[in-house]
């Protein structure tokens, strides 16, 4: 009887965690997209927190991308577009 109750508890906990796993993947995907757009860490954090994502999950996703976000080459395409845009005026 006890093992059955434990399994039910495990199933309920896993069901609750499933939504967190999905949210974590969505946040990682959004961070990746924003990095591709040349957004800074601060801008990404602000956008995701405005959308009411969990602060700890956002910070964890940004930490995973910290090397990319601190590399100046990440922002080269955006800078080049802005320079080209300014030269065309």
PDB file of N, CA and C in Angstrom:
ATOM      1  N   UNK A   1       0.827  -1.190   0.000  1.00  0.00           N
ATOM      2  CA  UNK A   1       0.000   0.000   0.000  1.00  0.00           C
ATOM      3  C   UNK A   1       0.876   1.260   0.000  1.00  0.00           C
ATOM      4  N   UNK A   2       1.917   1.281   0.793  1.00  0.00           N
ATOM      5  CA  UNK A   2       2.799   2.447   0.905  1.00  0.00           C
ATOM      6  C   UNK A   2       3.495   2.750  -0.427  1.00  0.00           C
ATOM      7  N   UNK A   3       3.936   1.696  -1.115  1.00  0.00           N
ATOM      8  CA  UNK A   3       4.635   1.896  -2.381  1.00  0.00           C
ATOM      9  C   UNK A   3       3.703   2.521  -3.420  1.00  0.00           C
ATOM     10  N   UNK A   4       2.466   2.136  -3.408  1.00  0.00           N
ATOM     11  CA  UNK A   4       1.477   2.697  -4.323  1.00  0.00           C
ATOM     12  C   UNK A   4       1.294   4.191  -4.060  1.00  0.00           C
ATOM     13  N   UNK A   5       1.213   4.580  -2.785  1.00  0.00           N
ATOM     14  CA  UNK A   5       1.072   5.989  -2.424  1.00  0.00           C
ATOM     15  C   UNK A   5       2.307   6.779  -2.837  1.00  0.00           C
ATOM     16  N   UNK A   6       3.487   6.187  -2.666  1.00  0.00           N
ATOM     17  CA  UNK A   6       4.728   6.846  -3.061  1.00  0.00           C
ATOM     18  C   UNK A   6       4.765   7.065  -4.576  1.00  0.00           C
ATOM     19  N   UNK A   7       4.316   6.076  -5.322  1.00  0.00           N
ATOM     20  CA  UNK A   7       4.314   6.205  -6.781  1.00  0.00           C
ATOM     21  C   UNK A   7       3.349   7.296  -7.227  1.00  0.00           C
ATOM     22  N   UNK A   8       2.209   7.399  -6.545  1.00  0.00           N
ATOM     23  CA  UNK A   8       1.258   8.453  -6.868  1.00  0.00           C
ATOM     24  C   UNK A   8       1.867   9.823  -6.596  1.00  0.00           C
ATOM     25  N   UNK A   9       2.587   9.946  -5.502  1.00  0.00           N
ATOM     26  CA  UNK A   9       3.246  11.199  -5.162  1.00  0.00           C
ATOM     27  C   UNK A   9       4.310  11.541  -6.207  1.00  0.00           C
ATOM     28  N   UNK A  10       5.077  10.554  -6.611  1.00  0.00           N
ATOM     29  CA  UNK A  10       6.103  10.765  -7.636  1.00  0.00           C
ATOM     30  C   UNK A  10       5.454  11.243  -8.931  1.00  0.00           C
ATOM     31  N   UNK A  11       4.369  10.627  -9.321  1.00  0.00           N
ATOM     32  CA  UNK A  11       3.676  11.024 -10.551  1.00  0.00           C
ATOM     33  C   UNK A  11       3.159  12.462 -10.468  1.00  0.00           C
ATOM     34  N   UNK A  12       2.621  12.846  -9.306  1.00  0.00           N
ATOM     35  CA  UNK A  12       2.129  14.225  -9.148  1.00  0.00           C
ATOM     36  C   UNK A  12       3.276  15.224  -9.214  1.00  0.00           C
ATOM     37  N   UNK A  13       4.393  14.901  -8.565  1.00  0.00           N
ATOM     38  CA  UNK A  13       5.558  15.794  -8.581  1.00  0.00           C
ATOM     39  C   UNK A  13       6.093  15.921 -10.002  1.00  0.00           C
ATOM     40  N   UNK A  14       6.190  14.802 -10.709  1.00  0.00           N
ATOM     41  CA  UNK A  14       6.694  14.841 -12.088  1.00  0.00           C
ATOM     42  C   UNK A  14       5.766  15.666 -12.986  1.00  0.00           C
ATOM     43  N   UNK A  15       4.467  15.566 -12.772  1.00  0.00           N
ATOM     44  CA  UNK A  15       3.520  16.361 -13.551  1.00  0.00           C
ATOM     45  C   UNK A  15       3.724  17.850 -13.285  1.00  0.00           C
ATOM     46  N   UNK A  16       3.971  18.196 -12.026  1.00  0.00           N
ATOM     47  CA  UNK A  16       4.228  19.595 -11.681  1.00  0.00           C
ATOM     48  C   UNK A  16       5.531  20.089 -12.297  1.00  0.00           C
ATOM     49  N   UNK A  17       6.533  19.241 -12.329  1.00  0.00           N
ATOM     50  CA  UNK A  17       7.838  19.628 -12.868  1.00  0.00           C
ATOM     51  C   UNK A  17       7.833  19.750 -14.384  1.00  0.00           C
ATOM     52  N   UNK A  18       6.953  19.046 -15.041  1.00  0.00           N
ATOM     53  CA  UNK A  18       6.897  19.078 -16.496  1.00  0.00           C
ATOM     54  C   UNK A  18       6.728  20.501 -17.009  1.00  0.00           C
ATOM     55  N   UNK A  19       5.854  21.257 -16.383  1.00  0.00           N
ATOM     56  CA  UNK A  19       5.644  22.637 -16.828  1.00  0.00           C
ATOM     57  C   UNK A  19       6.911  23.465 -16.641  1.00  0.00           C
ATOM     58  N   UNK A  20       7.680  23.187 -15.592  1.00  0.00           N
ATOM     59  CA  UNK A  20       8.932  23.917 -15.389  1.00  0.00           C
ATOM     60  C   UNK A  20       9.952  23.564 -16.465  1.00  0.00           C
ATOM     61  N   UNK A  21      10.017  22.299 -16.848  1.00  0.00           N
ATOM     62  CA  UNK A  21      10.939  21.887 -17.903  1.00  0.00           C
ATOM     63  C   UNK A  21      10.581  22.575 -19.216  1.00  0.00           C
ATOM     64  N   UNK A  22       9.296  22.653 -19.514  1.00  0.00           N
ATOM     65  CA  UNK A  22       8.846  23.305 -20.733  1.00  0.00           C
ATOM     66  C   UNK A  22       9.193  24.793 -20.673  1.00  0.00           C
ATOM     67  N   UNK A  23       8.924  25.432 -19.532  1.00  0.00           N
ATOM     68  CA  UNK A  23       9.227  26.859 -19.387  1.00  0.00           C
ATOM     69  C   UNK A  23      10.729  27.106 -19.544  1.00  0.00           C
ATOM     70  N   UNK A  24      11.538  26.224 -18.984  1.00  0.00           N
ATOM     71  CA  UNK A  24      12.987  26.362 -19.093  1.00  0.00           C
ATOM     72  C   UNK A  24      13.430  26.313 -20.559  1.00  0.00           C
ATOM     73  N   UNK A  25      12.866  25.402 -21.330  1.00  0.00           N
ATOM     74  CA  UNK A  25      13.214  25.281 -22.753  1.00  0.00           C
ATOM     75  C   UNK A  25      12.745  26.507 -23.534  1.00  0.00           C
ATOM     76  N   UNK A  26      11.582  27.031 -23.194  1.00  0.00           N
ATOM     77  CA  UNK A  26      11.078  28.235 -23.864  1.00  0.00           C
ATOM     78  C   UNK A  26      12.003  29.411 -23.577  1.00  0.00           C
ATOM     79  N   UNK A  27      12.415  29.551 -22.325  1.00  0.00           N
ATOM     80  CA  UNK A  27      13.317  30.642 -21.953  1.00  0.00           C
ATOM     81  C   UNK A  27      14.644  30.506 -22.685  1.00  0.00           C
ATOM     82  N   UNK A  28      15.206  29.302 -22.721  1.00  0.00           N
ATOM     83  CA  UNK A  28      16.466  29.078 -23.438  1.00  0.00           C
ATOM     84  C   UNK A  28      16.317  29.450 -24.903  1.00  0.00           C
ATOM     85  N   UNK A  29      15.197  29.094 -25.493  1.00  0.00           N
ATOM     86  CA  UNK A  29      14.943  29.419 -26.900  1.00  0.00           C
ATOM     87  C   UNK A  29      14.842  30.929 -27.114  1.00  0.00           C
ATOM     88  N   UNK A  30      14.140  31.594 -26.215  1.00  0.00           N
ATOM     89  CA  UNK A  30      14.008  33.057 -26.325  1.00  0.00           C
ATOM     90  C   UNK A  30      15.363  33.745 -26.157  1.00  0.00           C
ATOM     91  N   UNK A  31      16.152  33.282 -25.188  1.00  0.00           N
ATOM     92  CA  UNK A  31      17.485  33.863 -24.978  1.00  0.00           C
ATOM     93  C   UNK A  31      18.314  33.694 -26.240  1.00  0.00           C
ATOM     94  N   UNK A  32      18.281  32.507 -26.819  1.00  0.00           N
ATOM     95  CA  UNK A  32      19.046  32.243 -28.047  1.00  0.00           C
ATOM     96  C   UNK A  32      18.594  33.182 -29.174  1.00  0.00           C
ATOM     97  N   UNK A  33      17.293  33.371 -29.308  1.00  0.00           N
ATOM     98  CA  UNK A  33      16.770  34.261 -30.355  1.00  0.00           C
ATOM     99  C   UNK A  33      17.206  35.702 -30.106  1.00  0.00           C
ATOM    100  N   UNK A  34      17.120  36.149 -28.872  1.00  0.00           N
ATOM    101  CA  UNK A  34      17.523  37.522 -28.557  1.00  0.00           C
ATOM    102  C   UNK A  34      19.024  37.730 -28.761  1.00  0.00           C
ATOM    103  N   UNK A  35      19.825  36.720 -28.439  1.00  0.00           N
ATOM    104  CA  UNK A  35      21.273  36.812 -28.683  1.00  0.00           C
ATOM    105  C   UNK A  35      21.514  36.955 -30.184  1.00  0.00           C
ATOM    106  N   UNK A  36      20.768  36.203 -30.969  1.00  0.00           N
ATOM    107  CA  UNK A  36      20.889  36.292 -32.422  1.00  0.00           C
ATOM    108  C   UNK A  36      20.517  37.661 -32.962  1.00  0.00           C
ATOM    109  N   UNK A  37      19.667  38.362 -32.250  1.00  0.00           N
ATOM    110  CA  UNK A  37      19.272  39.717 -32.635  1.00  0.00           C
ATOM    111  C   UNK A  37      20.247  40.767 -32.126  1.00  0.00           C
ATOM    112  N   UNK A  38      21.255  40.310 -31.371  1.00  0.00           N
ATOM    113  CA  UNK A  38      22.252  41.240 -30.852  1.00  0.00           C
ATOM    114  C   UNK A  38      21.837  41.949 -29.576  1.00  0.00           C
ATOM    115  N   UNK A  39      20.848  41.422 -28.865  1.00  0.00           N
ATOM    116  CA  UNK A  39      20.395  42.045 -27.613  1.00  0.00           C
ATOM    117  C   UNK A  39      21.418  41.798 -26.506  1.00  0.00           C
ATOM    118  N   UNK A  40      21.520  42.738 -25.599  1.00  0.00           N
ATOM    119  CA  UNK A  40      22.439  42.617 -24.468  1.00  0.00           C
ATOM    120  C   UNK A  40      21.798  41.788 -23.355  1.00  0.00           C
ATOM    121  N   UNK A  41      22.621  41.370 -22.409  1.00  0.00           N
ATOM    122  CA  UNK A  41      22.126  40.599 -21.268  1.00  0.00           C
ATOM    123  C   UNK A  41      21.029  41.364 -20.538  1.00  0.00           C
ATOM    124  N   UNK A  42      21.271  42.623 -20.320  1.00  0.00           N
ATOM    125  CA  UNK A  42      20.299  43.448 -19.599  1.00  0.00           C
ATOM    126  C   UNK A  42      18.963  43.521 -20.345  1.00  0.00           C
ATOM    127  N   UNK A  43      19.031  43.730 -21.655  1.00  0.00           N
ATOM    128  CA  UNK A  43      17.813  43.823 -22.462  1.00  0.00           C
ATOM    129  C   UNK A  43      17.058  42.496 -22.476  1.00  0.00           C
ATOM    130  N   UNK A  44      17.790  41.403 -22.590  1.00  0.00           N
ATOM    131  CA  UNK A  44      17.160  40.077 -22.601  1.00  0.00           C
ATOM    132  C   UNK A  44      16.477  39.807 -21.265  1.00  0.00           C
ATOM    133  N   UNK A  45      17.182  40.081 -20.174  1.00  0.00           N
ATOM    134  CA  UNK A  45      16.610  39.859 -18.847  1.00  0.00           C
ATOM    135  C   UNK A  45      15.330  40.684 -18.679  1.00  0.00           C
ATOM    136  N   UNK A  46      15.387  41.937 -19.070  1.00  0.00           N
ATOM    137  CA  UNK A  46      14.237  42.820 -18.923  1.00  0.00           C
ATOM    138  C   UNK A  46      13.043  42.299 -19.733  1.00  0.00           C
ATOM    139  N   UNK A  47      13.282  41.907 -20.988  1.00  0.00           N
ATOM    140  CA  UNK A  47      12.193  41.421 -21.826  1.00  0.00           C
ATOM    141  C   UNK A  47      11.542  40.172 -21.246  1.00  0.00           C
ATOM    142  N   UNK A  48      12.380  39.237 -20.786  1.00  0.00           N
ATOM    143  CA  UNK A  48      11.833  37.986 -20.268  1.00  0.00           C
ATOM    144  C   UNK A  48      11.104  38.189 -18.945  1.00  0.00           C
ATOM    145  N   UNK A  49      11.624  39.068 -18.110  1.00  0.00           N
ATOM    146  CA  UNK A  49      10.942  39.332 -16.840  1.00  0.00           C
ATOM    147  C   UNK A  49       9.640  40.099 -17.060  1.00  0.00           C
ATOM    148  N   UNK A  50       9.593  40.945 -18.081  1.00  0.00           N
ATOM    149  CA  UNK A  50       8.344  41.628 -18.430  1.00  0.00           C
ATOM    150  C   UNK A  50       7.280  40.620 -18.843  1.00  0.00           C
ATOM    151  N   UNK A  51       7.716  39.524 -19.450  1.00  0.00           N
ATOM    152  CA  UNK A  51       6.785  38.480 -19.885  1.00  0.00           C
ATOM    153  C   UNK A  51       6.464  37.504 -18.759  1.00  0.00           C
ATOM    154  N   UNK A  52       6.917  37.842 -17.550  1.00  0.00           N
ATOM    155  CA  UNK A  52       6.593  37.095 -16.321  1.00  0.00           C
ATOM    156  C   UNK A  52       7.212  35.703 -16.257  1.00  0.00           C
ATOM    157  N   UNK A  53       8.363  35.512 -16.915  1.00  0.00           N
ATOM    158  CA  UNK A  53       9.069  34.252 -16.760  1.00  0.00           C
ATOM    159  C   UNK A  53       9.760  34.225 -15.406  1.00  0.00           C
ATOM    160  N   UNK A  54       9.987  33.048 -14.881  1.00  0.00           N
ATOM    161  CA  UNK A  54      10.622  32.864 -13.586  1.00  0.00           C
ATOM    162  C   UNK A  54      12.025  33.468 -13.586  1.00  0.00           C
ATOM    163  N   UNK A  55      12.298  34.321 -12.617  1.00  0.00           N
ATOM    164  CA  UNK A  55      13.571  35.045 -12.541  1.00  0.00           C
ATOM    165  C   UNK A  55      14.765  34.092 -12.455  1.00  0.00           C
ATOM    166  N   UNK A  56      14.650  33.034 -11.660  1.00  0.00           N
ATOM    167  CA  UNK A  56      15.760  32.084 -11.515  1.00  0.00           C
ATOM    168  C   UNK A  56      16.042  31.350 -12.817  1.00  0.00           C
ATOM    169  N   UNK A  57      14.987  30.983 -13.544  1.00  0.00           N
ATOM    170  CA  UNK A  57      15.174  30.298 -14.827  1.00  0.00           C
ATOM    171  C   UNK A  57      15.794  31.234 -15.864  1.00  0.00           C
ATOM    172  N   UNK A  58      15.368  32.494 -15.838  1.00  0.00           N
ATOM    173  CA  UNK A  58      15.942  33.490 -16.760  1.00  0.00           C
ATOM    174  C   UNK A  58      17.429  33.661 -16.468  1.00  0.00           C
ATOM    175  N   UNK A  59      17.775  33.834 -15.198  1.00  0.00           N
ATOM    176  CA  UNK A  59      19.182  34.020 -14.828  1.00  0.00           C
ATOM    177  C   UNK A  59      20.013  32.792 -15.187  1.00  0.00           C
ATOM    178  N   UNK A  60      19.456  31.603 -15.009  1.00  0.00           N
ATOM    179  CA  UNK A  60      20.183  30.371 -15.358  1.00  0.00           C
ATOM    180  C   UNK A  60      20.421  30.296 -16.862  1.00  0.00           C
ATOM    181  N   UNK A  61      19.420  30.652 -17.659  1.00  0.00           N
ATOM    182  CA  UNK A  61      19.570  30.625 -19.114  1.00  0.00           C
ATOM    183  C   UNK A  61      20.595  31.658 -19.574  1.00  0.00           C
ATOM    184  N   UNK A  62      20.588  32.829 -18.957  1.00  0.00           N
ATOM    185  CA  UNK A  62      21.565  33.861 -19.310  1.00  0.00           C
ATOM    186  C   UNK A  62      22.972  33.431 -18.904  1.00  0.00           C
ATOM    187  N   UNK A  63      23.084  32.762 -17.782  1.00  0.00           N
ATOM    188  CA  UNK A  63      24.391  32.275 -17.332  1.00  0.00           C
ATOM    189  C   UNK A  63      24.959  31.266 -18.332  1.00  0.00           C
ATOM    190  N   UNK A  64      24.079  30.428 -18.881  1.00  0.00           N
ATOM    191  CA  UNK A  64      24.536  29.448 -19.878  1.00  0.00           C
ATOM    192  C   UNK A  64      25.043  30.142 -21.136  1.00  0.00           C
ATOM    193  N   UNK A  65      24.522  31.319 -21.439  1.00  0.00           N
ATOM    194  CA  UNK A  65      24.918  32.071 -22.632  1.00  0.00           C
ATOM    195  C   UNK A  65      25.931  33.173 -22.322  1.00  0.00           C
ATOM    196  N   UNK A  66      26.448  33.210 -21.100  1.00  0.00           N
ATOM    197  CA  UNK A  66      27.300  34.330 -20.683  1.00  0.00           C
ATOM    198  C   UNK A  66      28.538  34.484 -21.551  1.00  0.00           C
ATOM    199  N   UNK A  67      29.123  33.382 -21.976  1.00  0.00           N
ATOM    200  CA  UNK A  67      30.322  33.477 -22.822  1.00  0.00           C
ATOM    201  C   UNK A  67      29.988  34.127 -24.163  1.00  0.00           C
ATOM    202  N   UNK A  68      28.886  33.733 -24.737  1.00  0.00           N
ATOM    203  CA  UNK A  68      28.454  34.313 -26.013  1.00  0.00           C
ATOM    204  C   UNK A  68      28.120  35.787 -25.843  1.00  0.00           C
ATOM    205  N   UNK A  69      27.428  36.117 -24.762  1.00  0.00           N
ATOM    206  CA  UNK A  69      27.013  37.499 -24.542  1.00  0.00           C
ATOM    207  C   UNK A  69      28.176  38.421 -24.214  1.00  0.00           C
ATOM    208  N   UNK A  70      29.262  37.874 -23.714  1.00  0.00           N
ATOM    209  CA  UNK A  70      30.412  38.720 -23.382  1.00  0.00           C
ATOM    210  C   UNK A  70      31.421  38.800 -24.530  1.00  0.00           C
ATOM    211  N   UNK A  71      31.167  38.093 -25.616  1.00  0.00           N
ATOM    212  CA  UNK A  71      32.059  38.117 -26.776  1.00  0.00           C
ATOM    213  C   UNK A  71      31.649  39.258 -27.715  1.00  0.00           C
ATOM    214  N   UNK A  72      32.527  40.218 -27.970  1.00  0.00           N
ATOM    215  CA  UNK A  72      32.177  41.341 -28.842  1.00  0.00           C
ATOM    216  C   UNK A  72      31.783  40.909 -30.258  1.00  0.00           C
ATOM    217  N   UNK A  73      32.293  39.782 -30.717  1.00  0.00           N
ATOM    218  CA  UNK A  73      31.956  39.294 -32.059  1.00  0.00           C
ATOM    219  C   UNK A  73      30.474  38.972 -32.192  1.00  0.00           C
ATOM    220  N   UNK A  74      29.819  38.702 -31.090  1.00  0.00           N
ATOM    221  CA  UNK A  74      28.386  38.420 -31.107  1.00  0.00           C
ATOM    222  C   UNK A  74      27.613  39.604 -31.676  1.00  0.00           C
ATOM    223  N   UNK A  75      28.108  40.798 -31.408  1.00  0.00           N
ATOM    224  CA  UNK A  75      27.393  42.005 -31.793  1.00  0.00           C
ATOM    225  C   UNK A  75      27.895  42.611 -33.105  1.00  0.00           C
ATOM    226  N   UNK A  76      28.879  41.991 -33.737  1.00  0.00           N
ATOM    227  CA  UNK A  76      29.442  42.516 -34.981  1.00  0.00           C
ATOM    228  C   UNK A  76      28.381  42.719 -36.075  1.00  0.00           C
ATOM    229  N   UNK A  77      27.529  41.736 -36.376  1.00  0.00           N
ATOM    230  CA  UNK A  77      26.541  41.953 -37.441  1.00  0.00           C
ATOM    231  C   UNK A  77      25.616  43.135 -37.171  1.00  0.00           C
ATOM    232  N   UNK A  78      25.191  43.287 -35.942  1.00  0.00           N
ATOM    233  CA  UNK A  78      24.315  44.400 -35.597  1.00  0.00           C
ATOM    234  C   UNK A  78      25.045  45.734 -35.774  1.00  0.00           C
ATOM    235  N   UNK A  79      26.288  45.802 -35.350  1.00  0.00           N
ATOM    236  CA  UNK A  79      27.074  47.026 -35.486  1.00  0.00           C
ATOM    237  C   UNK A  79      27.293  47.353 -36.963  1.00  0.00           C
ATOM    238  N   UNK A  80      27.611  46.336 -37.755  1.00  0.00           N
ATOM    239  CA  UNK A  80      27.817  46.555 -39.187  1.00  0.00           C
ATOM    240  C   UNK A  80      26.545  47.062 -39.864  1.00  0.00           C
ATOM    241  N   UNK A  81      25.386  46.508 -39.491  1.00  0.00           N
ATOM    242  CA  UNK A  81      24.117  46.981 -40.062  1.00  0.00           C
ATOM    243  C   UNK A  81      23.876  48.442 -39.713  1.00  0.00           C
ATOM    244  N   UNK A  82      24.155  48.805 -38.468  1.00  0.00           N
ATOM    245  CA  UNK A  82      23.946  50.196 -38.052  1.00  0.00           C
ATOM    246  C   UNK A  82      24.886  51.145 -38.788  1.00  0.00           C
ATOM    247  N   UNK A  83      26.122  50.707 -38.996  1.00  0.00           N
ATOM    248  CA  UNK A  83      27.082  51.539 -39.721  1.00  0.00           C
ATOM    249  C   UNK A  83      26.641  51.700 -41.170  1.00  0.00           C
ATOM    250  N   UNK A  84      26.223  50.601 -41.791  1.00  0.00           N
ATOM    251  CA  UNK A  84      25.751  50.668 -43.177  1.00  0.00           C
ATOM    252  C   UNK A  84      24.526  51.558 -43.299  1.00  0.00           C
ATOM    253  N   UNK A  85      23.636  51.450 -42.340  1.00  0.00           N
ATOM    254  CA  UNK A  85      22.426  52.251 -42.334  1.00  0.00           C
ATOM    255  C   UNK A  85      22.789  53.738 -42.220  1.00  0.00           C
ATOM    256  N   UNK A  86      23.764  54.056 -41.347  1.00  0.00           N
ATOM    257  CA  UNK A  86      24.205  55.440 -41.183  1.00  0.00           C
ATOM    258  C   UNK A  86      24.901  55.968 -42.413  1.00  0.00           C
ATOM    259  N   UNK A  87      25.645  55.124 -43.130  1.00  0.00           N
ATOM    260  CA  UNK A  87      26.362  55.547 -44.330  1.00  0.00           C
ATOM    261  C   UNK A  87      25.401  55.815 -45.480  1.00  0.00           C
ATOM    262  N   UNK A  88      24.256  55.177 -45.471  1.00  0.00           N
ATOM    263  CA  UNK A  88      23.283  55.359 -46.559  1.00  0.00           C
ATOM    264  C   UNK A  88      22.513  56.662 -46.434  1.00  0.00           C
ATOM    265  N   UNK A  89      22.542  57.280 -45.270  1.00  0.00           N
ATOM    266  CA  UNK A  89      21.779  58.533 -45.064  1.00  0.00           C
ATOM    267  C   UNK A  89      22.459  59.707 -45.671  1.00  0.00           C
TER     268      UNK A  89
END
